Amino acid sequence: ISADTTAQSQQLAEELLSFEYPYSTRIAALNLLLNNVDDSEFWGNKIVEFSSDLDPRLRLHVLKGLRFLSETDSRNILEAIELSEFDPRVLEQME
């Protein structure tokens, strides 16, 4: 992504996150973004967006994007997500 001055690879990776794709495709796209995008606003939005995803593995994995947020923003997002999260694996990671 870093050599892509048109941001097309980021856009493509974001499209591959759609629920229409299998888990293996979605997790690969998410890993690509985690390794190449460090924008805090992007990750704040992505974490909130994925908090309602049907796949708990993706809800859990997207939390790795918290490292790009300030401590205050991370705490605020986690508190909001905690209200609706029901999977014990995700809840444990949020602690």
Protein backbone atom coordinates (compact mmCIF):
# COMPACT_ATOMS: atom_id res chain seq x y z
CA ILE A 1 0.00 0.00 0.00
CA SER A 2 2.81 2.44 0.81
CA ALA A 3 3.93 2.55 -2.85
CA ASP A 4 0.36 2.98 -4.07
CA THR A 5 -0.04 6.73 -4.49
CA THR A 6 -3.61 6.34 -5.76
CA ALA A 7 -4.81 4.50 -2.62
CA GLN A 8 -6.37 1.85 -4.85
CA SER A 9 -4.94 -1.05 -2.87
CA GLN A 10 -6.43 0.29 0.38
CA GLN A 11 -9.76 0.75 -1.36
CA LEU A 12 -9.62 -2.80 -2.74
CA ALA A 13 -8.71 -4.21 0.69
CA GLU A 14 -11.64 -2.37 2.23
CA GLU A 15 -13.98 -3.82 -0.40
CA LEU A 16 -12.72 -7.32 0.42
CA LEU A 17 -13.79 -6.84 4.04
CA SER A 18 -17.42 -7.13 2.97
CA PHE A 19 -19.47 -9.93 4.53
CA GLU A 20 -19.98 -11.33 1.02
CA TYR A 21 -16.43 -12.72 1.06
CA PRO A 22 -15.25 -15.77 2.99
CA TYR A 23 -13.44 -15.38 6.29
CA SER A 24 -10.03 -16.15 4.75
CA THR A 25 -10.37 -13.26 2.30
CA ARG A 26 -11.69 -10.86 4.88
CA ILE A 27 -8.98 -11.62 7.44
CA ALA A 28 -6.26 -11.29 4.80
CA ALA A 29 -7.64 -7.89 3.79
CA LEU A 30 -7.85 -6.82 7.43
CA ASN A 31 -4.24 -7.88 8.03
CA LEU A 32 -3.14 -5.94 4.96
CA LEU A 33 -4.80 -2.83 6.36
CA LEU A 34 -3.39 -3.38 9.86
CA ASN A 35 0.10 -3.61 8.40
CA ASN A 36 -0.18 -0.59 6.12
CA VAL A 37 -2.68 1.93 7.47
CA ASP A 38 -1.88 3.82 10.66
CA ASP A 39 -4.52 6.55 10.49
CA SER A 40 -6.34 6.81 13.83
CA GLU A 41 -9.58 8.12 12.31
CA PHE A 42 -9.64 5.22 9.85
CA TRP A 43 -9.20 2.65 12.64
CA GLY A 44 -11.67 4.32 14.96
CA ASN A 45 -14.30 4.09 12.22
CA LYS A 46 -13.32 0.56 11.22
CA ILE A 47 -13.47 -0.77 14.80
CA VAL A 48 -16.92 0.73 15.32
CA GLU A 49 -18.07 -0.57 11.93
CA PHE A 50 -16.87 -4.11 12.69
CA SER A 51 -18.34 -4.14 16.18
CA SER A 52 -21.60 -5.30 14.61
CA ASP A 53 -20.08 -7.84 12.21
CA LEU A 54 -21.63 -11.29 12.42
CA ASP A 55 -18.24 -13.02 12.66
CA PRO A 56 -16.74 -12.74 16.17
CA ARG A 57 -13.29 -13.64 14.80
CA LEU A 58 -13.32 -10.42 12.78
CA ARG A 59 -14.74 -8.40 15.67
CA LEU A 60 -11.86 -9.70 17.75
CA HIS A 61 -9.15 -9.17 15.13
CA VAL A 62 -10.14 -5.60 14.26
CA LEU A 63 -9.41 -4.65 17.87
CA LYS A 64 -5.73 -4.74 16.89
CA GLY A 65 -6.45 -1.38 15.26
CA LEU A 66 -6.76 0.11 18.75
CA ARG A 67 -2.98 0.52 18.75
CA PHE A 68 -3.40 3.41 16.32
CA LEU A 69 -5.78 5.32 18.61
CA SER A 70 -5.11 7.50 21.60
CA GLU A 71 -5.73 5.94 24.99
CA THR A 72 -8.83 8.09 25.48
CA ASP A 73 -10.30 7.21 22.09
CA SER A 74 -9.56 3.51 22.64
CA ARG A 75 -11.26 3.54 26.03
CA ASN A 76 -14.33 5.37 24.66
CA ILE A 77 -14.72 2.96 21.75
CA LEU A 78 -14.27 -0.09 23.96
CA GLU A 79 -16.86 1.16 26.44
CA ALA A 80 -19.36 1.67 23.62
CA ILE A 81 -18.67 -1.72 22.04
CA GLU A 82 -18.85 -3.52 25.36
CA LEU A 83 -22.54 -2.64 25.66
CA SER A 84 -23.47 -4.76 22.65
CA GLU A 85 -20.73 -7.41 22.52
CA PHE A 86 -21.80 -10.88 23.59
CA ASP A 87 -18.96 -13.18 22.55
CA PRO A 88 -16.75 -14.06 25.55
CA ARG A 89 -13.60 -14.22 23.39
CA VAL A 90 -14.08 -10.66 22.20
CA LEU A 91 -15.02 -9.42 25.66
CA GLU A 92 -11.90 -11.01 27.14
CA GLN A 93 -9.67 -9.27 24.58
CA MET A 94 -11.33 -5.94 25.37
CA GLU A 95 -10.22 -6.08 29.02
